[in-house]
Amino acid sequence: MTLDFMEKYFLKNIGKKDSHKLSTYEESGGYQTIQKVFKLEPQKVVEEVKISGLRGLGGAGFPTGMKWGFIPKNISPRYLVCNADEGEPGTFKDRWLMDNDPHLLLEGIMIASYALDIHTAYIFIRGEFYNATQKVKEAIKECYEQKYLGKNIFGKSFDLDIYVHSGAGAYICGEETALLEALEGKRGLPRVKPPFPAIEGLFGKPTVINNVETLCGVKLILEHGAKWYKSVGTEKNPGYKLFPISGHVNKPGVYELPFGMPVQEIIEKYGGGVPEGRKIKGVIPGGSSSGVLTASELNTPMDFETFRGKGMILGTASIIVMDETTDMVEILHNIMHFYAEESCGQCTPCREGTMWSYKILNRLMKDEGTREDIETLKRIAKNISGTTLCALADGAAIPLKGFVEKFPEDFEKRIRAPRRETPKPVIMR
């Protein structure tokens, strides 16, 4: 299939005047898909999402249709929660969608709610995203005024209310069970699983949690069909994906491309390459928790399975480019400072391991490190992986291990010169 990358779906309305308004959205065919969906049986909608192969686009990559299938059919009420707490460093795609085209998200929520017989939905938005929050609230108000939300939406016998909840800027609330705790008015701490949210989620009821981009993808799949979505990407990672690109590139931004494109091609063809002809030293391919690629690994395709095979994660597919002038010790120092601060402290390996790593990196930044410090960082990465309630510790361990092992020369430079042994005093007898 010949691809015209100028044709956009997720970003169709971006750049239009008043792209966030209902009138602009409807001019481009907005809210036609939900009315078409009302003519289908709810299970048919779920099956279409399953057939499409849509995976969670917030980082985990879990099949969306399968996730929906876990909801028990005999329990009500049930809830839909949109995870818009986009806190992964280097990631800004969901905020971009909410800022510029909030109605795309709302229509995706409507479709998912109809498919799952859900009548109450919440959008949990990161506290710092003031503009996005206001745009989403304005869009919801417009929908209520037009009877697109509330009782008998679009004149059909289906009720739906959508509420916005602002977070307090805690990275941990991006983890779905911590998000539920915060939404219930409690401290945002990850829950013990099982039970999983699909069985016992918000207010103890079955809950589906999808992120912004995933729900926008649901709307596009029901608009164009599962066959269309599967016509691009790879067999196990079909469809389109938003790739935020930042760092040392000429054209930072958000790009809509198929899954499976090599990192190098995305950086050069869409990110405009590195400024001033400098060479790439390393690339963080999917937000800070995804790990790091060296310049020799840039032919890696952007899909979930490939990164899992490399002991990394695709994550949010947010590409951060670092050129040859970059000090990788400084980058890792910043990353571990972030995780040490954002750990909720509930699990000992995460609470102690992230802070310990940060303190060691503080010494290295002062050129006071030792070779033992470098080995300790590797051991910490190994010991905190898979030992906590949520994936924050794993998200810290992957870059910790990757940076130290892939850029040893940068860390060696930070080791202090061995001290000369002080001669023993001569005792005169």
Protein backbone atom coordinates (compact mmCIF):
# COMPACT_ATOMS: atom_id res chain seq x y z
CA MET A 1 0.00 0.00 0.00
CA THR A 2 1.35 3.41 -0.97
CA LEU A 3 1.27 5.72 2.00
CA ASP A 4 0.68 9.44 1.82
CA PHE A 5 1.99 10.68 5.13
CA MET A 6 0.43 14.08 4.51
CA GLU A 7 -2.98 12.46 5.02
CA LYS A 8 -3.83 12.65 8.70
CA TYR A 9 -6.39 10.95 10.88
CA PHE A 10 -5.47 11.64 14.52
CA LEU A 11 -4.20 15.07 13.51
CA LYS A 12 -6.84 15.78 10.87
CA ASN A 13 -8.09 19.01 12.45
CA ILE A 14 -4.79 20.26 13.85
CA GLY A 15 -3.88 23.64 12.41
CA LYS A 16 -7.44 24.62 11.50
CA LYS A 17 -8.86 27.82 12.95
CA ASP A 18 -10.74 27.10 16.20
CA SER A 19 -9.90 23.41 15.87
CA HIS A 20 -11.06 22.84 19.45
CA LYS A 21 -14.61 24.00 18.79
CA LEU A 22 -17.66 21.86 18.01
CA SER A 23 -18.43 23.73 14.77
CA THR A 24 -14.96 22.99 13.34
CA TYR A 25 -15.16 19.35 14.40
CA GLU A 26 -18.56 18.85 12.79
CA GLU A 27 -17.44 20.52 9.56
CA SER A 28 -14.94 17.67 9.16
CA GLY A 29 -17.54 14.97 9.82
CA GLY A 30 -17.37 14.94 13.58
CA TYR A 31 -20.05 13.06 15.56
CA GLN A 32 -21.21 11.23 12.43
CA THR A 33 -19.44 8.05 13.53
CA ILE A 34 -21.20 7.78 16.91
CA GLN A 35 -24.57 8.08 15.15
CA LYS A 36 -23.54 5.28 12.80
CA VAL A 37 -22.43 3.21 15.78
CA PHE A 38 -25.88 3.54 17.39
CA LYS A 39 -27.22 1.38 14.53
CA LEU A 40 -24.90 -1.47 15.56
CA GLU A 41 -25.22 -3.91 18.39
CA PRO A 42 -22.76 -3.00 21.19
CA GLN A 43 -20.98 -6.36 20.86
CA LYS A 44 -20.38 -5.63 17.17
CA VAL A 45 -18.48 -2.49 18.18
CA VAL A 46 -16.34 -4.47 20.63
CA GLU A 47 -15.63 -7.07 17.93
CA GLU A 48 -14.59 -4.39 15.44
CA VAL A 49 -12.05 -3.02 17.93
CA LYS A 50 -10.76 -6.56 18.58
CA ILE A 51 -10.42 -7.28 14.85
CA SER A 52 -8.54 -4.01 14.30
CA GLY A 53 -5.75 -5.11 16.63
CA LEU A 54 -5.76 -1.74 18.41
CA ARG A 55 -3.40 -1.80 21.36
CA GLY A 56 -3.20 0.57 24.30
CA LEU A 57 -1.35 3.63 23.04
CA GLY A 58 -0.45 4.98 26.46
CA GLY A 59 2.60 2.77 26.95
CA ALA A 60 1.69 -0.80 27.89
CA GLY A 61 0.40 -1.86 24.47
CA PHE A 62 -2.25 -4.24 25.84
CA PRO A 63 -4.91 -5.21 23.23
CA THR A 64 -7.83 -2.82 23.70
CA GLY A 65 -10.60 -5.17 22.60
CA MET A 66 -9.35 -7.87 24.94
CA LYS A 67 -9.26 -5.38 27.82
CA TRP A 68 -12.87 -4.44 27.10
CA GLY A 69 -13.79 -8.13 27.09
CA PHE A 70 -12.83 -8.51 30.75
CA ILE A 71 -15.77 -6.38 31.89
CA PRO A 72 -18.42 -8.63 33.48
CA LYS A 73 -21.83 -8.36 31.80
CA ASN A 74 -24.01 -8.74 34.87
CA ILE A 75 -22.69 -5.95 37.12
CA SER A 76 -23.70 -2.30 37.03
CA PRO A 77 -22.98 0.51 37.23
CA ARG A 78 -19.72 0.32 35.37
CA TYR A 79 -17.37 3.15 34.49
CA LEU A 80 -15.03 4.38 31.78
CA VAL A 81 -11.97 6.36 32.87
CA CYS A 82 -9.81 8.22 30.38
CA ASN A 83 -6.22 8.39 31.59
CA ALA A 84 -5.05 11.85 30.55
CA ASP A 85 -2.40 12.08 33.26
CA GLU A 86 0.42 12.25 30.73
CA GLY A 87 3.52 12.55 32.94
CA GLU A 88 6.14 10.49 31.10
CA PRO A 89 9.15 12.76 30.39
CA GLY A 90 9.40 13.57 26.70
CA THR A 91 5.71 12.82 26.05
CA PHE A 92 3.22 15.44 24.87
CA LYS A 93 0.92 13.73 22.35
CA ASP A 94 -2.21 13.44 24.54
CA ARG A 95 -1.92 17.06 25.64
CA TRP A 96 -1.59 18.03 21.95
CA LEU A 97 -4.83 16.20 21.12
CA MET A 98 -6.76 17.72 24.04
CA ASP A 99 -5.45 21.22 23.34
CA ASN A 100 -6.35 21.11 19.66
CA ASP A 101 -9.11 18.55 19.07
CA PRO A 102 -10.93 17.62 22.32
CA HIS A 103 -14.08 16.55 20.47
CA LEU A 104 -12.19 13.66 18.86
CA LEU A 105 -11.56 12.32 22.37
CA LEU A 106 -15.17 12.88 23.44
CA GLU A 107 -16.52 10.98 20.44
CA GLY A 108 -14.15 8.11 21.21
CA ILE A 109 -15.46 8.05 24.80
CA MET A 110 -19.05 8.01 23.52
CA ILE A 111 -18.36 5.04 21.25
CA ALA A 112 -16.54 3.05 23.95
CA SER A 113 -19.29 3.82 26.48
CA TYR A 114 -22.03 2.64 24.11
CA ALA A 115 -20.10 -0.55 23.31
CA LEU A 116 -19.72 -1.39 27.01
CA ASP A 117 -23.09 -0.14 28.31
CA ILE A 118 -21.39 2.56 30.37
CA HIS A 119 -23.30 5.71 31.32
CA THR A 120 -20.70 7.61 33.38
CA ALA A 121 -17.18 8.47 32.19
CA TYR A 122 -14.35 10.43 33.79
CA ILE A 123 -11.38 12.18 32.21
CA PHE A 124 -8.47 12.37 34.68
CA ILE A 125 -6.22 15.18 33.38
CA ARG A 126 -2.76 16.01 34.65
CA GLY A 127 -2.93 19.05 36.92
CA GLU A 128 -0.33 21.04 34.97
CA PHE A 129 -2.39 20.81 31.77
CA TYR A 130 -4.49 23.89 32.47
CA ASN A 131 -5.12 24.79 28.83
CA ALA A 132 -6.04 21.22 27.91
CA THR A 133 -8.40 21.01 30.88
CA GLN A 134 -10.18 24.19 29.86
CA LYS A 135 -10.50 23.06 26.24
CA VAL A 136 -11.95 19.69 27.26
CA LYS A 137 -14.40 21.33 29.68
CA GLU A 138 -15.52 23.77 26.97
CA ALA A 139 -16.01 20.88 24.54
CA ILE A 140 -18.10 18.95 27.09
CA LYS A 141 -20.23 22.06 27.69
CA GLU A 142 -20.84 22.40 23.95
CA CYS A 143 -21.94 18.76 23.80
CA TYR A 144 -24.42 19.16 26.64
CA GLU A 145 -25.88 22.25 24.96
CA GLN A 146 -26.43 20.26 21.75
CA LYS A 147 -27.88 17.22 23.61
CA TYR A 148 -24.81 15.17 22.61
CA LEU A 149 -24.33 14.38 26.30
CA GLY A 150 -26.79 13.81 29.12
CA LYS A 151 -30.13 12.08 28.66
CA ASN A 152 -30.97 10.41 25.33
CA ILE A 153 -27.87 11.66 23.52
CA PHE A 154 -28.34 12.38 19.80
CA GLY A 155 -32.02 11.57 20.33
CA LYS A 156 -31.24 7.92 21.06
CA SER A 157 -32.22 5.93 24.14
CA PHE A 158 -28.72 6.11 25.58
CA ASP A 159 -27.59 8.31 28.49
CA LEU A 160 -24.00 9.43 29.07
CA ASP A 161 -22.38 11.92 31.42
CA ILE A 162 -18.69 12.87 31.22
CA TYR A 163 -16.82 14.53 34.09
CA VAL A 164 -13.34 16.10 34.21
CA HIS A 165 -11.07 15.57 37.22
CA SER A 166 -7.77 17.45 37.54
CA GLY A 167 -4.87 15.61 39.14
CA ALA A 168 -2.25 17.19 41.37
CA GLY A 169 0.78 16.56 39.18
CA ALA A 170 1.87 13.19 40.59
CA TYR A 171 3.55 10.93 38.02
CA ILE A 172 2.41 7.86 39.96
CA CYS A 173 -1.21 8.71 39.12
CA GLY A 174 -0.50 7.73 35.54
CA GLU A 175 -0.57 4.16 36.90
CA GLU A 176 -4.20 3.14 36.50
CA THR A 177 -4.95 1.94 40.03
CA ALA A 178 -3.24 4.96 41.62
CA LEU A 179 -5.35 7.08 39.28
CA LEU A 180 -8.50 5.37 40.58
CA GLU A 181 -7.45 6.02 44.18
CA ALA A 182 -6.94 9.71 43.40
CA LEU A 183 -10.26 9.88 41.55
CA GLU A 184 -11.96 8.52 44.66
CA GLY A 185 -10.40 11.34 46.71
CA LYS A 186 -7.67 9.30 48.32
CA ARG A 187 -3.88 9.46 48.12
CA GLY A 188 -2.69 8.23 44.71
CA LEU A 189 -1.05 4.92 45.65
CA PRO A 190 -1.06 1.82 43.41
CA ARG A 191 -3.39 -0.97 44.51
CA VAL A 192 -2.56 -4.61 44.98
CA LYS A 193 -3.73 -6.61 41.94
CA PRO A 194 -5.80 -8.72 41.57
CA PRO A 195 -8.57 -7.69 41.60
CA PHE A 196 -7.98 -5.76 38.38
CA PRO A 197 -9.96 -2.62 37.54
CA ALA A 198 -12.10 -4.46 34.98
CA ILE A 199 -13.55 -6.46 37.88
CA GLU A 200 -13.23 -4.05 40.81
CA GLY A 201 -12.24 -0.57 39.74
CA LEU A 202 -13.68 2.87 40.44
CA PHE A 203 -15.92 2.82 43.54
CA GLY A 204 -15.52 -0.97 43.57
CA LYS A 205 -17.30 -1.38 40.22
CA PRO A 206 -16.09 -2.73 36.83
CA THR A 207 -14.01 -0.06 35.13
CA VAL A 208 -12.34 0.30 31.74
CA ILE A 209 -9.29 2.58 31.68
CA ASN A 210 -7.93 3.79 28.33
CA ASN A 211 -5.65 6.68 27.54
CA VAL A 212 -6.45 9.66 25.29
CA GLU A 213 -4.78 8.43 22.11
CA THR A 214 -6.36 4.97 22.43
CA LEU A 215 -9.89 6.38 22.69
CA CYS A 216 -9.24 8.67 19.73
CA GLY A 217 -8.11 5.56 17.86
CA VAL A 218 -11.42 3.85 18.70
CA LYS A 219 -13.30 6.64 16.94
CA LEU A 220 -11.09 6.37 13.85
CA ILE A 221 -11.48 2.59 13.66
CA LEU A 222 -15.28 2.79 13.81
CA GLU A 223 -15.18 5.58 11.22
CA HIS A 224 -12.90 3.89 8.68
CA GLY A 225 -13.16 0.22 9.68
CA ALA A 226 -10.86 -2.40 11.19
CA LYS A 227 -9.60 -3.39 7.71
CA TRP A 228 -8.37 0.16 7.12
CA TYR A 229 -6.56 0.22 10.47
CA LYS A 230 -4.86 -3.12 9.79
CA SER A 231 -3.71 -2.02 6.32
CA VAL A 232 -0.70 -0.18 7.79
CA GLY A 233 1.84 -0.92 10.50
CA THR A 234 2.97 -4.46 11.27
CA GLU A 235 1.11 -7.72 11.82
CA LYS A 236 1.22 -7.51 15.62
CA ASN A 237 1.29 -3.71 15.78
CA PRO A 238 -1.21 -2.48 13.18
CA GLY A 239 -2.32 1.07 12.56
CA TYR A 240 -1.10 4.57 13.10
CA LYS A 241 0.71 6.03 16.10
CA LEU A 242 1.58 9.52 17.28
CA PHE A 243 5.33 9.99 17.68
CA PRO A 244 6.43 13.05 19.70
CA ILE A 245 9.99 14.03 18.75
CA SER A 246 12.15 16.35 20.86
CA GLY A 247 15.76 16.98 21.80
CA HIS A 248 18.51 17.62 19.27
CA VAL A 249 16.38 17.71 16.10
CA ASN A 250 15.60 20.44 13.60
CA LYS A 251 11.83 19.85 13.56
CA PRO A 252 10.51 18.81 16.97
CA GLY A 253 6.81 18.06 17.11
CA VAL A 254 4.14 15.35 16.99
CA TYR A 255 4.10 13.13 13.90
CA GLU A 256 1.42 10.62 12.86
CA LEU A 257 3.05 7.58 11.28
CA PRO A 258 2.49 3.81 11.02
CA PHE A 259 3.93 1.42 13.57
CA GLY A 260 7.14 -0.32 12.55
CA MET A 261 9.07 2.58 11.01
CA PRO A 262 12.79 2.58 11.92
CA VAL A 263 13.90 5.15 14.46
CA GLN A 264 16.50 6.58 12.06
CA GLU A 265 13.90 7.22 9.35
CA ILE A 266 11.55 9.00 11.72
CA ILE A 267 14.34 11.26 13.01
CA GLU A 268 15.77 12.13 9.61
CA LYS A 269 12.66 12.25 7.42
CA TYR A 270 10.24 13.84 9.87
CA GLY A 271 12.35 15.29 12.68
CA GLY A 272 14.62 16.98 10.15
CA GLY A 273 17.81 15.37 11.43
CA VAL A 274 20.28 16.73 13.96
CA PRO A 275 21.19 20.47 13.93
CA GLU A 276 24.51 21.65 12.51
CA GLY A 277 25.31 18.25 11.04
CA ARG A 278 26.26 16.76 14.40
CA LYS A 279 26.05 13.01 14.90
CA ILE A 280 23.55 11.19 17.06
CA LYS A 281 25.00 9.72 20.23
CA GLY A 282 21.89 8.11 21.68
CA VAL A 283 18.10 8.09 21.46
CA ILE A 284 15.49 7.58 24.14
CA PRO A 285 12.80 5.93 21.97
CA GLY A 286 9.64 5.97 24.10
CA GLY A 287 9.84 8.35 27.03
CA SER A 288 12.40 8.18 29.85
CA SER A 289 11.32 4.74 31.11
CA SER A 290 11.84 3.02 27.75
CA GLY A 291 15.64 2.85 27.92
CA VAL A 292 18.19 4.12 25.42
CA LEU A 293 19.47 3.22 21.96
CA THR A 294 23.00 3.81 20.73
CA ALA A 295 23.74 5.28 17.29
CA SER A 296 24.32 1.74 15.97
CA GLU A 297 20.77 0.67 16.96
CA LEU A 298 18.80 3.29 15.06
CA ASN A 299 17.52 0.82 12.46
CA THR A 300 15.25 -0.58 15.20
CA PRO A 301 11.57 -0.55 14.12
CA MET A 302 9.15 1.24 16.42
CA ASP A 303 6.90 -1.56 17.65
CA PHE A 304 6.17 -3.22 20.98
CA GLU A 305 7.60 -6.69 20.24
CA THR A 306 10.95 -5.46 18.91
CA PHE A 307 11.63 -3.37 22.01
CA ARG A 308 10.50 -6.12 24.34
CA GLY A 309 13.03 -8.40 22.65
CA LYS A 310 15.76 -5.87 23.42
CA GLY A 311 14.86 -5.75 27.12
CA MET A 312 13.28 -2.33 26.62
CA ILE A 313 9.76 -0.98 26.15
CA LEU A 314 8.24 1.12 23.37
CA GLY A 315 6.30 3.03 26.01
CA THR A 316 4.70 6.18 24.67
CA ALA A 317 6.90 6.12 21.51
CA SER A 318 8.18 9.58 22.43
CA ILE A 319 11.57 10.01 20.79
CA ILE A 320 14.24 12.12 22.51
CA VAL A 321 17.36 12.65 20.39
CA MET A 322 20.77 13.29 21.97
CA ASP A 323 23.71 14.37 19.84
CA GLU A 324 27.43 13.77 20.29
CA THR A 325 27.82 16.69 22.70
CA THR A 326 25.59 15.00 25.30
CA ASP A 327 26.95 13.81 28.63
CA MET A 328 25.06 10.56 29.32
CA VAL A 329 25.87 10.69 33.03
CA GLU A 330 24.08 14.02 33.25
CA ILE A 331 21.06 12.64 31.38
CA LEU A 332 20.81 9.60 33.64
CA HIS A 333 21.28 11.85 36.68
CA ASN A 334 18.24 13.89 35.59
CA ILE A 335 16.19 10.76 34.91
CA MET A 336 16.93 9.16 38.28
CA HIS A 337 16.27 12.46 40.07
CA PHE A 338 12.82 12.35 38.48
CA TYR A 339 12.09 8.77 39.58
CA ALA A 340 13.45 9.33 43.09
CA GLU A 341 11.12 12.31 43.48
CA GLU A 342 8.10 10.66 41.87
CA SER A 343 8.25 7.31 43.67
CA CYS A 344 5.22 7.11 45.96
CA GLY A 345 7.37 5.34 48.56
CA GLN A 346 4.94 2.49 49.11
CA CYS A 347 7.38 -0.25 47.96
CA THR A 348 10.81 -0.46 49.58
CA PRO A 349 12.81 -1.50 46.47
CA CYS A 350 11.49 1.49 44.53
CA ARG A 351 11.67 4.02 47.36
CA GLU A 352 15.22 3.08 48.39
CA GLY A 353 16.59 1.99 45.01
CA THR A 354 15.70 5.13 43.09
CA MET A 355 17.06 7.46 45.78
CA TRP A 356 20.21 5.37 46.25
CA SER A 357 20.87 5.50 42.51
CA TYR A 358 20.34 9.25 42.49
CA LYS A 359 22.83 9.74 45.35
CA ILE A 360 25.46 7.65 43.55
CA LEU A 361 24.93 9.68 40.39
CA ASN A 362 25.35 12.85 42.44
CA ARG A 363 28.84 11.64 43.33
CA LEU A 364 29.59 10.80 39.71
CA MET A 365 28.47 14.27 38.64
CA LYS A 366 31.11 15.69 40.98
CA ASP A 367 33.75 13.38 39.49
CA GLU A 368 33.95 11.64 42.86
CA GLY A 369 32.60 8.24 41.83
CA THR A 370 34.33 4.90 42.01
CA ARG A 371 34.23 1.80 39.86
CA GLU A 372 32.28 0.14 42.65
CA ASP A 373 29.60 2.84 42.25
CA ILE A 374 29.09 1.84 38.63
CA GLU A 375 28.71 -1.82 39.57
CA THR A 376 26.29 -0.84 42.33
CA LEU A 377 24.09 0.99 39.83
CA LYS A 378 23.88 -2.19 37.75
CA ARG A 379 22.94 -4.25 40.80
CA ILE A 380 20.27 -1.77 41.85
CA ALA A 381 18.72 -1.92 38.37
CA LYS A 382 18.58 -5.71 38.59
CA ASN A 383 17.22 -5.87 42.13
CA ILE A 384 14.38 -3.36 41.80
CA SER A 385 12.96 -4.87 38.60
CA GLY A 386 9.74 -6.81 39.02
CA THR A 387 9.64 -6.39 42.79
CA THR A 388 7.01 -3.67 43.24
CA LEU A 389 3.24 -3.13 43.00
CA CYS A 390 3.48 -0.97 39.89
CA ALA A 391 5.93 -0.48 37.03
CA LEU A 392 7.62 2.70 38.27
CA ALA A 393 10.64 0.79 39.56
CA ASP A 394 10.90 -1.10 36.26
CA GLY A 395 10.65 2.22 34.44
CA ALA A 396 13.62 3.46 36.45
CA ALA A 397 15.62 0.22 36.14
CA ILE A 398 15.51 0.04 32.32
CA PRO A 399 17.29 3.39 31.69
CA LEU A 400 19.57 2.84 34.69
CA LYS A 401 20.84 -0.41 33.22
CA GLY A 402 20.83 0.83 29.62
CA PHE A 403 22.80 4.05 30.09
CA VAL A 404 25.46 2.47 32.28
CA GLU A 405 26.01 -0.52 30.00
CA LYS A 406 25.77 1.25 26.63
CA PHE A 407 27.84 4.35 27.41
CA PRO A 408 30.57 3.08 29.77
CA GLU A 409 33.10 5.65 28.58
CA ASP A 410 30.99 8.53 29.90
CA PHE A 411 30.82 6.89 33.33
CA GLU A 412 34.51 5.98 33.37
CA LYS A 413 35.36 9.65 32.92
CA ARG A 414 33.55 10.43 36.14
CA ILE A 415 35.61 8.06 38.28
CA ARG A 416 38.07 9.90 40.51
CA ALA A 417 41.77 9.16 40.16
CA PRO A 418 42.91 6.50 42.62
CA ARG A 419 44.46 8.05 45.72
CA ARG A 420 48.09 7.37 46.43
CA GLU A 421 48.69 5.30 49.49
CA THR A 422 49.97 7.38 52.37
CA PRO A 423 53.40 6.07 53.38
CA LYS A 424 53.52 4.58 56.84
CA PRO A 425 55.48 6.73 59.28
CA VAL A 426 58.94 5.51 60.14
CA ILE A 427 59.26 4.90 63.86
CA MET A 428 62.77 5.53 65.19
CA ARG A 429 63.83 3.21 67.96
